[in-house]
């Protein structure tokens, strides 16, 4: 299970706690991972993955996935989408883009 907040949240939080331009402007450069597809990445290793972007479905998807893992004895990756991991009021200065591999 990947708790995916779409950013290097811990890094952005450290920048927010330091005196500097990112804190002053609430604009965080290079910490947002826009375009990273965890399910596609898992698939490239032969592992099934599912994206969960509806909080009300998390429990059901986890149960279904665990049933599959236990029944079939194979791994599975869950990409659980969370709110963007920037400090409150923060915005991305420059998105980190990954090449589309599809």
N, C-alpha and C. Protein backbone atom coordinates (compact mmCIF):
# COMPACT_ATOMS: atom_id res chain seq x y z
N UNK A 1 0.85 -1.16 0.00
CA UNK A 1 0.00 0.00 0.00
C UNK A 1 0.89 1.23 0.00
N UNK A 2 0.67 2.10 -0.97
CA UNK A 2 1.43 3.34 -1.09
C UNK A 2 0.50 4.51 -0.74
N UNK A 3 0.76 5.18 0.39
CA UNK A 3 -0.01 6.39 0.70
C UNK A 3 0.55 7.53 -0.15
N UNK A 4 -0.09 7.80 -1.28
CA UNK A 4 0.45 8.67 -2.31
C UNK A 4 -0.08 10.09 -2.18
N UNK A 5 0.76 10.99 -1.66
CA UNK A 5 0.37 12.39 -1.54
C UNK A 5 0.91 13.22 -2.70
N UNK A 6 1.48 12.56 -3.71
CA UNK A 6 1.91 13.24 -4.92
C UNK A 6 3.06 14.21 -4.75
N UNK A 7 3.76 14.11 -3.62
CA UNK A 7 4.86 15.06 -3.38
C UNK A 7 5.85 14.46 -2.40
N UNK A 8 7.00 15.05 -2.38
CA UNK A 8 7.96 14.77 -1.32
C UNK A 8 7.54 15.64 -0.14
N UNK A 9 6.48 15.26 0.53
CA UNK A 9 5.88 16.07 1.59
C UNK A 9 6.83 16.37 2.73
N UNK A 10 7.63 15.40 3.11
CA UNK A 10 8.55 15.62 4.23
C UNK A 10 9.61 16.66 3.86
N UNK A 11 10.01 16.68 2.59
CA UNK A 11 10.98 17.67 2.12
C UNK A 11 10.33 19.06 2.10
N UNK A 12 9.12 19.14 1.56
CA UNK A 12 8.42 20.42 1.54
C UNK A 12 8.21 20.95 2.95
N UNK A 13 7.86 20.06 3.88
CA UNK A 13 7.68 20.47 5.26
C UNK A 13 8.96 21.00 5.88
N UNK A 14 10.09 20.39 5.53
CA UNK A 14 11.38 20.87 6.04
C UNK A 14 11.69 22.25 5.48
N UNK A 15 11.39 22.45 4.20
CA UNK A 15 11.60 23.78 3.61
C UNK A 15 10.69 24.81 4.26
N UNK A 16 9.48 24.40 4.61
CA UNK A 16 8.53 25.33 5.26
C UNK A 16 9.03 25.72 6.64
N UNK A 17 9.79 24.85 7.27
CA UNK A 17 10.30 25.15 8.61
C UNK A 17 11.60 25.92 8.61
N UNK A 18 12.21 26.09 7.45
CA UNK A 18 13.48 26.81 7.35
C UNK A 18 13.24 28.21 6.80
N UNK A 19 14.10 29.11 7.16
CA UNK A 19 14.00 30.45 6.58
C UNK A 19 14.56 30.41 5.17
N UNK A 20 13.77 30.84 4.22
CA UNK A 20 14.22 30.83 2.83
C UNK A 20 13.10 31.23 1.90
N UNK A 21 13.41 31.24 0.61
CA UNK A 21 12.46 31.72 -0.39
C UNK A 21 11.21 30.83 -0.46
N UNK A 22 11.36 29.51 -0.29
CA UNK A 22 10.17 28.65 -0.37
C UNK A 22 9.20 28.96 0.75
N UNK A 23 9.71 29.17 1.94
CA UNK A 23 8.85 29.52 3.07
C UNK A 23 8.22 30.88 2.84
N UNK A 24 9.02 31.84 2.40
CA UNK A 24 8.53 33.21 2.21
C UNK A 24 7.45 33.31 1.14
N UNK A 25 7.59 32.53 0.07
CA UNK A 25 6.65 32.62 -1.05
C UNK A 25 5.57 31.53 -1.01
N UNK A 26 5.73 30.53 -0.14
CA UNK A 26 4.85 29.35 -0.09
C UNK A 26 4.80 28.64 -1.43
N UNK A 27 5.89 28.75 -2.18
CA UNK A 27 6.03 28.10 -3.47
C UNK A 27 7.19 27.12 -3.39
N UNK A 28 6.90 25.86 -3.63
CA UNK A 28 7.87 24.79 -3.41
C UNK A 28 8.32 24.20 -4.74
N UNK A 29 9.59 24.37 -5.05
CA UNK A 29 10.15 23.90 -6.32
C UNK A 29 10.63 22.45 -6.21
N UNK A 30 10.27 21.66 -7.21
CA UNK A 30 10.82 20.32 -7.35
C UNK A 30 10.37 19.29 -6.34
N UNK A 31 9.27 19.52 -5.64
CA UNK A 31 8.84 18.53 -4.66
C UNK A 31 7.53 17.83 -5.04
N UNK A 32 6.86 18.27 -6.09
CA UNK A 32 5.61 17.64 -6.53
C UNK A 32 5.92 16.60 -7.59
N UNK A 33 5.37 15.42 -7.43
CA UNK A 33 5.62 14.29 -8.33
C UNK A 33 4.47 14.08 -9.31
N UNK A 34 4.06 15.12 -9.96
CA UNK A 34 2.96 15.05 -10.91
C UNK A 34 3.31 14.10 -12.05
N UNK A 35 2.46 13.15 -12.29
CA UNK A 35 2.67 12.22 -13.40
C UNK A 35 3.25 10.88 -13.01
N UNK A 36 3.64 10.70 -11.75
CA UNK A 36 4.15 9.39 -11.33
C UNK A 36 2.97 8.43 -11.22
N UNK A 37 3.03 7.33 -11.94
CA UNK A 37 1.94 6.35 -11.96
C UNK A 37 2.40 5.08 -11.25
N UNK A 38 2.04 4.94 -9.98
CA UNK A 38 2.47 3.81 -9.16
C UNK A 38 1.94 2.49 -9.72
N UNK A 39 0.71 2.49 -10.22
CA UNK A 39 0.12 1.26 -10.77
C UNK A 39 0.89 0.81 -12.02
N UNK A 40 1.22 1.76 -12.88
CA UNK A 40 2.00 1.43 -14.07
C UNK A 40 3.39 0.95 -13.69
N UNK A 41 3.99 1.57 -12.71
CA UNK A 41 5.31 1.16 -12.24
C UNK A 41 5.27 -0.28 -11.70
N UNK A 42 4.25 -0.58 -10.89
CA UNK A 42 4.10 -1.95 -10.36
C UNK A 42 3.94 -2.94 -11.51
N UNK A 43 3.14 -2.57 -12.49
CA UNK A 43 2.91 -3.44 -13.64
C UNK A 43 4.19 -3.75 -14.41
N UNK A 44 5.12 -2.79 -14.44
CA UNK A 44 6.38 -3.02 -15.14
C UNK A 44 7.22 -4.09 -14.46
N UNK A 45 6.89 -4.40 -13.21
CA UNK A 45 7.55 -5.48 -12.47
C UNK A 45 6.68 -6.74 -12.41
N UNK A 46 5.59 -6.75 -13.17
CA UNK A 46 4.71 -7.91 -13.21
C UNK A 46 3.77 -8.03 -12.02
N UNK A 47 3.56 -6.91 -11.32
CA UNK A 47 2.69 -6.91 -10.14
C UNK A 47 1.43 -6.10 -10.46
N UNK A 48 0.29 -6.70 -10.17
CA UNK A 48 -0.97 -5.99 -10.38
C UNK A 48 -1.08 -4.84 -9.38
N UNK A 49 -1.61 -3.74 -9.85
CA UNK A 49 -1.82 -2.60 -8.97
C UNK A 49 -3.19 -1.99 -9.18
N UNK A 50 -3.68 -1.34 -8.15
CA UNK A 50 -4.97 -0.64 -8.23
C UNK A 50 -4.82 0.74 -7.61
N UNK A 51 -5.43 1.73 -8.24
CA UNK A 51 -5.44 3.09 -7.72
C UNK A 51 -6.75 3.30 -6.97
N UNK A 52 -6.66 3.86 -5.78
CA UNK A 52 -7.85 4.15 -4.98
C UNK A 52 -7.89 5.65 -4.76
N UNK A 53 -8.87 6.31 -5.38
CA UNK A 53 -8.96 7.76 -5.22
C UNK A 53 -10.27 8.21 -4.57
N UNK A 54 -11.02 7.23 -4.07
CA UNK A 54 -12.26 7.51 -3.36
C UNK A 54 -12.13 6.94 -1.95
N UNK A 55 -12.05 7.82 -0.98
CA UNK A 55 -11.84 7.41 0.41
C UNK A 55 -12.87 6.39 0.88
N UNK A 56 -14.10 6.51 0.40
CA UNK A 56 -15.14 5.60 0.85
C UNK A 56 -14.94 4.16 0.35
N UNK A 57 -14.05 3.97 -0.61
CA UNK A 57 -13.82 2.64 -1.19
C UNK A 57 -12.56 1.96 -0.66
N UNK A 58 -11.77 2.66 0.16
CA UNK A 58 -10.49 2.11 0.60
C UNK A 58 -10.66 0.78 1.31
N UNK A 59 -11.56 0.68 2.27
CA UNK A 59 -11.72 -0.55 3.05
C UNK A 59 -12.09 -1.72 2.14
N UNK A 60 -13.00 -1.50 1.19
CA UNK A 60 -13.41 -2.58 0.29
C UNK A 60 -12.26 -3.01 -0.62
N UNK A 61 -11.51 -2.06 -1.15
CA UNK A 61 -10.40 -2.39 -2.05
C UNK A 61 -9.30 -3.12 -1.28
N UNK A 62 -9.02 -2.70 -0.06
CA UNK A 62 -8.01 -3.39 0.76
C UNK A 62 -8.46 -4.82 1.01
N UNK A 63 -9.72 -5.02 1.37
CA UNK A 63 -10.22 -6.38 1.62
C UNK A 63 -10.13 -7.24 0.36
N UNK A 64 -10.59 -6.71 -0.76
CA UNK A 64 -10.53 -7.46 -2.02
C UNK A 64 -9.08 -7.81 -2.38
N UNK A 65 -8.19 -6.87 -2.19
CA UNK A 65 -6.78 -7.09 -2.52
C UNK A 65 -6.15 -8.13 -1.60
N UNK A 66 -6.42 -8.04 -0.31
CA UNK A 66 -5.89 -9.04 0.62
C UNK A 66 -6.44 -10.42 0.31
N UNK A 67 -7.71 -10.50 -0.06
CA UNK A 67 -8.30 -11.79 -0.45
C UNK A 67 -7.54 -12.37 -1.65
N UNK A 68 -7.25 -11.53 -2.63
CA UNK A 68 -6.51 -11.97 -3.82
C UNK A 68 -5.11 -12.44 -3.44
N UNK A 69 -4.42 -11.66 -2.61
CA UNK A 69 -3.06 -12.00 -2.19
C UNK A 69 -3.05 -13.34 -1.46
N UNK A 70 -4.00 -13.52 -0.53
CA UNK A 70 -4.04 -14.77 0.24
C UNK A 70 -4.47 -15.95 -0.62
N UNK A 71 -5.45 -15.75 -1.48
CA UNK A 71 -5.97 -16.84 -2.31
C UNK A 71 -4.97 -17.26 -3.38
N UNK A 72 -4.31 -16.29 -4.02
CA UNK A 72 -3.45 -16.59 -5.16
C UNK A 72 -1.97 -16.56 -4.82
N UNK A 73 -1.63 -16.11 -3.62
CA UNK A 73 -0.24 -16.10 -3.19
C UNK A 73 0.67 -15.20 -4.02
N UNK A 74 0.13 -14.07 -4.42
CA UNK A 74 0.93 -13.14 -5.22
C UNK A 74 0.81 -11.72 -4.64
N UNK A 75 1.77 -10.88 -4.93
CA UNK A 75 1.71 -9.52 -4.39
C UNK A 75 0.74 -8.64 -5.17
N UNK A 76 0.37 -7.55 -4.56
CA UNK A 76 -0.48 -6.55 -5.19
C UNK A 76 -0.11 -5.20 -4.59
N UNK A 77 -0.19 -4.16 -5.40
CA UNK A 77 0.13 -2.81 -4.94
C UNK A 77 -1.13 -1.96 -4.98
N UNK A 78 -1.36 -1.24 -3.90
CA UNK A 78 -2.47 -0.28 -3.86
C UNK A 78 -1.89 1.12 -3.80
N UNK A 79 -2.31 1.96 -4.73
CA UNK A 79 -1.91 3.36 -4.79
C UNK A 79 -3.06 4.18 -4.21
N UNK A 80 -2.95 4.54 -2.94
CA UNK A 80 -4.02 5.27 -2.24
C UNK A 80 -3.74 6.77 -2.36
N UNK A 81 -4.60 7.44 -3.12
CA UNK A 81 -4.43 8.86 -3.38
C UNK A 81 -4.80 9.69 -2.16
N UNK A 82 -3.90 10.60 -1.78
CA UNK A 82 -4.11 11.50 -0.65
C UNK A 82 -4.06 12.94 -1.15
N UNK A 83 -4.48 13.89 -0.31
CA UNK A 83 -4.32 15.29 -0.72
C UNK A 83 -2.85 15.62 -0.96
N UNK A 84 -2.60 16.57 -1.84
CA UNK A 84 -1.24 16.97 -2.19
C UNK A 84 -0.44 17.31 -0.93
N UNK A 85 0.75 16.73 -0.83
CA UNK A 85 1.57 16.82 0.38
C UNK A 85 2.43 18.05 0.50
N UNK A 86 1.84 19.22 0.37
CA UNK A 86 2.55 20.47 0.59
C UNK A 86 2.03 21.13 1.86
N UNK A 87 2.84 21.96 2.49
CA UNK A 87 2.34 22.70 3.66
C UNK A 87 1.10 23.50 3.29
N UNK A 88 0.26 23.73 4.27
CA UNK A 88 -1.01 24.44 4.04
C UNK A 88 -0.76 25.75 3.29
N UNK A 89 -1.52 25.92 2.21
CA UNK A 89 -1.39 27.12 1.39
C UNK A 89 -0.26 27.07 0.38
N UNK A 90 0.53 25.99 0.42
CA UNK A 90 1.67 25.87 -0.48
C UNK A 90 1.26 25.47 -1.88
N UNK A 91 2.08 25.84 -2.83
CA UNK A 91 1.83 25.47 -4.23
C UNK A 91 3.16 25.07 -4.86
N UNK A 92 3.06 24.33 -5.93
CA UNK A 92 4.26 23.85 -6.63
C UNK A 92 4.81 24.96 -7.51
N UNK A 93 6.12 25.17 -7.46
CA UNK A 93 6.77 26.15 -8.33
C UNK A 93 7.08 25.53 -9.68
N UNK A 94 7.53 24.30 -9.64
CA UNK A 94 7.92 23.61 -10.87
C UNK A 94 7.59 22.14 -10.67
N UNK A 95 6.76 21.62 -11.56
CA UNK A 95 6.37 20.22 -11.46
C UNK A 95 7.51 19.33 -11.94
N UNK A 96 7.72 18.23 -11.22
CA UNK A 96 8.65 17.21 -11.67
C UNK A 96 7.87 16.29 -12.59
N UNK A 97 8.26 16.19 -13.83
CA UNK A 97 7.53 15.38 -14.81
C UNK A 97 8.29 14.12 -15.11
N UNK A 98 7.57 13.03 -15.25
CA UNK A 98 8.13 11.75 -15.64
C UNK A 98 7.69 11.47 -17.06
N UNK A 99 8.57 10.89 -17.82
CA UNK A 99 8.27 10.55 -19.20
C UNK A 99 7.14 9.52 -19.23
N UNK A 100 6.16 9.73 -20.08
CA UNK A 100 5.05 8.77 -20.23
C UNK A 100 5.59 7.50 -20.86
N UNK A 101 5.43 6.39 -20.17
CA UNK A 101 5.99 5.13 -20.64
C UNK A 101 4.95 4.26 -21.35
N UNK A 102 3.73 4.80 -21.56
CA UNK A 102 2.70 3.97 -22.21
C UNK A 102 2.80 4.01 -23.70
